Amino acid sequence: MEKGKTKTGFEFEIDPKAFDDWEILEKLNAIDKGNTNLAVDVANAVLGEEQMNALKEHIRAEKGKVSITDMMASLEEIFEACSAKN
C-alpha cells in the first residue's frame, strides 16, 4: 500500500495495483475528453468506499455540503501523488 497525505491533511492509502486496470484507464481517458461524471467511478474504484466516505467528511463544510471543487482538487492531488510514485 502506498500512503500519502493531501495539503489539507487527508491521509490515504492506495493499492499500487489499483491503477493497473484497463477499465480505470478507459474512464480516465473519458474524463480527459470531458466526461467528468466518471470521476466518481474512478475515485470509488481507487479509494474504496471507506476512504471515499472519510474524504467526503474531511471536505464537508459546516453547512453539510461537499464541495465539488474541493473534492476534485483532493482527488487530483491523490492521483498525482500515486502516479509520481509509479
N, C-alpha and C. Protein backbone atom coordinates (compact mmCIF):
# COMPACT_ATOMS: atom_id res chain seq x y z
N MET A 1 0.84 -1.18 0.00
CA MET A 1 0.00 0.00 0.00
C MET A 1 0.88 1.24 0.00
N GLU A 2 0.46 2.21 -0.77
CA GLU A 2 1.15 3.49 -0.80
C GLU A 2 0.36 4.47 0.05
N LYS A 3 1.07 5.12 0.95
CA LYS A 3 0.42 6.08 1.84
C LYS A 3 0.79 7.49 1.42
N GLY A 4 -0.12 8.42 1.68
CA GLY A 4 0.12 9.81 1.37
C GLY A 4 -0.78 10.70 2.20
N LYS A 5 -0.58 11.99 2.00
CA LYS A 5 -1.36 12.98 2.74
C LYS A 5 -1.55 14.20 1.83
N THR A 6 -2.80 14.67 1.74
CA THR A 6 -3.07 15.85 0.92
C THR A 6 -2.63 17.12 1.66
N LYS A 7 -2.62 18.21 0.94
CA LYS A 7 -2.26 19.50 1.54
C LYS A 7 -3.22 19.91 2.66
N THR A 8 -4.45 19.40 2.58
CA THR A 8 -5.44 19.74 3.61
C THR A 8 -5.39 18.78 4.80
N GLY A 9 -4.50 17.78 4.71
CA GLY A 9 -4.31 16.88 5.83
C GLY A 9 -5.02 15.54 5.75
N PHE A 10 -5.66 15.24 4.62
CA PHE A 10 -6.33 13.95 4.48
C PHE A 10 -5.29 12.87 4.20
N GLU A 11 -5.25 11.85 5.05
CA GLU A 11 -4.33 10.74 4.88
C GLU A 11 -5.01 9.61 4.12
N PHE A 12 -4.29 9.03 3.16
CA PHE A 12 -4.87 7.99 2.32
C PHE A 12 -3.87 6.86 2.11
N GLU A 13 -4.43 5.71 1.74
CA GLU A 13 -3.65 4.53 1.35
C GLU A 13 -4.24 4.00 0.05
N ILE A 14 -3.37 3.79 -0.91
CA ILE A 14 -3.81 3.30 -2.22
C ILE A 14 -3.01 2.04 -2.55
N ASP A 15 -3.72 1.03 -3.00
CA ASP A 15 -3.05 -0.16 -3.51
C ASP A 15 -2.42 0.23 -4.84
N PRO A 16 -1.10 0.07 -5.00
CA PRO A 16 -0.45 0.47 -6.25
C PRO A 16 -1.03 -0.24 -7.48
N LYS A 17 -1.65 -1.38 -7.28
CA LYS A 17 -2.25 -2.11 -8.39
C LYS A 17 -3.61 -1.54 -8.80
N ALA A 18 -4.11 -0.59 -8.04
CA ALA A 18 -5.43 -0.03 -8.33
C ALA A 18 -5.48 0.63 -9.71
N PHE A 19 -4.37 1.18 -10.15
CA PHE A 19 -4.34 1.85 -11.45
C PHE A 19 -3.97 0.90 -12.58
N ASP A 20 -3.63 -0.34 -12.24
CA ASP A 20 -3.30 -1.35 -13.25
C ASP A 20 -4.60 -2.04 -13.67
N ASP A 21 -5.49 -1.25 -14.25
CA ASP A 21 -6.83 -1.71 -14.57
C ASP A 21 -7.26 -1.01 -15.86
N TRP A 22 -7.46 -1.78 -16.88
CA TRP A 22 -7.81 -1.21 -18.19
C TRP A 22 -9.08 -0.35 -18.12
N GLU A 23 -10.06 -0.79 -17.36
CA GLU A 23 -11.31 -0.04 -17.29
C GLU A 23 -11.12 1.30 -16.58
N ILE A 24 -10.23 1.36 -15.61
CA ILE A 24 -9.90 2.64 -14.97
C ILE A 24 -9.25 3.56 -16.01
N LEU A 25 -8.34 3.00 -16.80
CA LEU A 25 -7.69 3.78 -17.86
C LEU A 25 -8.71 4.32 -18.85
N GLU A 26 -9.67 3.49 -19.23
CA GLU A 26 -10.72 3.95 -20.15
C GLU A 26 -11.51 5.10 -19.54
N LYS A 27 -11.83 4.98 -18.26
CA LYS A 27 -12.59 6.04 -17.60
C LYS A 27 -11.77 7.31 -17.47
N LEU A 28 -10.48 7.18 -17.15
CA LEU A 28 -9.61 8.37 -17.08
C LEU A 28 -9.52 9.05 -18.44
N ASN A 29 -9.46 8.25 -19.49
CA ASN A 29 -9.43 8.79 -20.85
C ASN A 29 -10.72 9.54 -21.15
N ALA A 30 -11.85 8.98 -20.75
CA ALA A 30 -13.15 9.65 -20.97
C ALA A 30 -13.23 10.94 -20.16
N ILE A 31 -12.67 10.93 -18.96
CA ILE A 31 -12.65 12.16 -18.14
C ILE A 31 -11.85 13.23 -18.85
N ASP A 32 -10.68 12.85 -19.39
CA ASP A 32 -9.85 13.80 -20.13
C ASP A 32 -10.59 14.38 -21.33
N LYS A 33 -11.52 13.62 -21.88
CA LYS A 33 -12.29 14.08 -23.04
C LYS A 33 -13.55 14.84 -22.63
N GLY A 34 -13.71 15.06 -21.31
CA GLY A 34 -14.82 15.90 -20.88
C GLY A 34 -15.91 15.21 -20.09
N ASN A 35 -15.90 13.89 -19.98
CA ASN A 35 -16.93 13.19 -19.24
C ASN A 35 -16.54 13.12 -17.76
N THR A 36 -16.66 14.24 -17.08
CA THR A 36 -16.24 14.33 -15.68
C THR A 36 -17.10 13.51 -14.74
N ASN A 37 -18.28 13.07 -15.19
CA ASN A 37 -19.14 12.23 -14.35
C ASN A 37 -18.44 10.93 -13.93
N LEU A 38 -17.50 10.47 -14.74
CA LEU A 38 -16.81 9.22 -14.44
C LEU A 38 -15.79 9.37 -13.31
N ALA A 39 -15.52 10.59 -12.90
CA ALA A 39 -14.58 10.81 -11.79
C ALA A 39 -15.06 10.11 -10.53
N VAL A 40 -16.35 10.06 -10.33
CA VAL A 40 -16.92 9.39 -9.15
C VAL A 40 -16.60 7.90 -9.20
N ASP A 41 -16.78 7.28 -10.37
CA ASP A 41 -16.50 5.85 -10.51
C ASP A 41 -15.02 5.55 -10.28
N VAL A 42 -14.16 6.38 -10.84
CA VAL A 42 -12.72 6.17 -10.69
C VAL A 42 -12.32 6.34 -9.22
N ALA A 43 -12.81 7.38 -8.59
CA ALA A 43 -12.47 7.63 -7.19
C ALA A 43 -12.93 6.48 -6.30
N ASN A 44 -14.14 6.00 -6.53
CA ASN A 44 -14.64 4.88 -5.74
C ASN A 44 -13.81 3.61 -5.97
N ALA A 45 -13.42 3.37 -7.21
CA ALA A 45 -12.64 2.17 -7.52
C ALA A 45 -11.24 2.23 -6.91
N VAL A 46 -10.64 3.39 -6.91
CA VAL A 46 -9.26 3.53 -6.43
C VAL A 46 -9.21 3.65 -4.91
N LEU A 47 -10.07 4.47 -4.35
CA LEU A 47 -10.03 4.71 -2.90
C LEU A 47 -10.86 3.72 -2.10
N GLY A 48 -11.90 3.20 -2.68
CA GLY A 48 -12.79 2.31 -1.94
C GLY A 48 -13.80 3.11 -1.15
N GLU A 49 -14.85 2.43 -0.73
CA GLU A 49 -15.97 3.08 -0.06
C GLU A 49 -15.57 3.76 1.25
N GLU A 50 -14.80 3.08 2.06
CA GLU A 50 -14.43 3.62 3.38
C GLU A 50 -13.62 4.91 3.25
N GLN A 51 -12.61 4.90 2.38
CA GLN A 51 -11.80 6.11 2.22
C GLN A 51 -12.57 7.23 1.53
N MET A 52 -13.46 6.87 0.59
CA MET A 52 -14.26 7.91 -0.06
C MET A 52 -15.17 8.60 0.95
N ASN A 53 -15.78 7.82 1.83
CA ASN A 53 -16.62 8.41 2.87
C ASN A 53 -15.79 9.30 3.80
N ALA A 54 -14.60 8.85 4.14
CA ALA A 54 -13.72 9.65 5.01
C ALA A 54 -13.31 10.94 4.31
N LEU A 55 -13.03 10.86 3.01
CA LEU A 55 -12.64 12.06 2.27
C LEU A 55 -13.80 13.04 2.20
N LYS A 56 -15.01 12.54 1.96
CA LYS A 56 -16.18 13.43 1.93
C LYS A 56 -16.36 14.13 3.27
N GLU A 57 -16.19 13.40 4.36
CA GLU A 57 -16.32 14.02 5.68
C GLU A 57 -15.21 15.04 5.92
N HIS A 58 -14.02 14.75 5.42
CA HIS A 58 -12.90 15.68 5.54
C HIS A 58 -13.20 17.00 4.83
N ILE A 59 -13.86 16.89 3.70
CA ILE A 59 -14.14 18.08 2.86
C ILE A 59 -15.44 18.77 3.28
N ARG A 60 -16.34 18.04 3.89
CA ARG A 60 -17.68 18.57 4.19
C ARG A 60 -17.60 19.90 4.94
N ALA A 61 -18.33 20.88 4.47
CA ALA A 61 -18.38 22.22 5.07
C ALA A 61 -19.36 22.25 6.24
N GLU A 62 -19.33 23.33 6.96
CA GLU A 62 -20.20 23.48 8.13
C GLU A 62 -21.67 23.29 7.79
N LYS A 63 -22.08 23.69 6.59
CA LYS A 63 -23.49 23.57 6.21
C LYS A 63 -23.82 22.20 5.62
N GLY A 64 -22.87 21.28 5.68
CA GLY A 64 -23.13 19.92 5.25
C GLY A 64 -22.83 19.60 3.80
N LYS A 65 -22.38 20.57 3.03
CA LYS A 65 -22.11 20.36 1.62
C LYS A 65 -20.68 19.86 1.41
N VAL A 66 -20.53 18.97 0.42
CA VAL A 66 -19.21 18.52 0.00
C VAL A 66 -18.93 19.23 -1.32
N SER A 67 -18.00 20.16 -1.28
CA SER A 67 -17.68 20.97 -2.45
C SER A 67 -17.10 20.11 -3.57
N ILE A 68 -17.69 20.23 -4.76
CA ILE A 68 -17.17 19.52 -5.93
C ILE A 68 -15.76 20.00 -6.23
N THR A 69 -15.54 21.30 -6.14
CA THR A 69 -14.23 21.87 -6.42
C THR A 69 -13.18 21.30 -5.47
N ASP A 70 -13.50 21.26 -4.18
CA ASP A 70 -12.55 20.75 -3.19
C ASP A 70 -12.33 19.24 -3.37
N MET A 71 -13.39 18.51 -3.69
CA MET A 71 -13.27 17.07 -3.90
C MET A 71 -12.38 16.79 -5.11
N MET A 72 -12.63 17.48 -6.21
CA MET A 72 -11.82 17.26 -7.41
C MET A 72 -10.36 17.63 -7.17
N ALA A 73 -10.11 18.70 -6.43
CA ALA A 73 -8.74 19.11 -6.13
C ALA A 73 -8.05 18.04 -5.28
N SER A 74 -8.76 17.50 -4.31
CA SER A 74 -8.18 16.45 -3.46
C SER A 74 -7.91 15.19 -4.26
N LEU A 75 -8.85 14.78 -5.10
CA LEU A 75 -8.66 13.58 -5.91
C LEU A 75 -7.49 13.76 -6.88
N GLU A 76 -7.40 14.92 -7.48
CA GLU A 76 -6.29 15.18 -8.39
C GLU A 76 -4.96 15.07 -7.65
N GLU A 77 -4.91 15.64 -6.46
CA GLU A 77 -3.69 15.58 -5.65
C GLU A 77 -3.34 14.13 -5.29
N ILE A 78 -4.34 13.35 -4.90
CA ILE A 78 -4.12 11.95 -4.54
C ILE A 78 -3.63 11.16 -5.75
N PHE A 79 -4.29 11.33 -6.89
CA PHE A 79 -3.91 10.59 -8.10
C PHE A 79 -2.52 10.99 -8.58
N GLU A 80 -2.20 12.27 -8.51
CA GLU A 80 -0.87 12.73 -8.91
C GLU A 80 0.21 12.15 -7.99
N ALA A 81 -0.07 12.10 -6.71
CA ALA A 81 0.88 11.53 -5.75
C ALA A 81 1.13 10.07 -6.06
N CYS A 82 0.09 9.35 -6.42
CA CYS A 82 0.22 7.93 -6.73
C CYS A 82 0.96 7.71 -8.05
N SER A 83 0.67 8.52 -9.06
CA SER A 83 1.33 8.35 -10.35
C SER A 83 2.80 8.75 -10.27
N ALA A 84 3.15 9.67 -9.40
CA ALA A 84 4.54 10.08 -9.23
C ALA A 84 5.37 8.96 -8.64
N LYS A 85 4.73 8.10 -7.83
CA LYS A 85 5.44 7.01 -7.19
C LYS A 85 5.58 5.79 -8.10
N ASN A 86 4.81 5.75 -9.18
CA ASN A 86 4.84 4.58 -10.09
C ASN A 86 5.62 4.86 -11.33
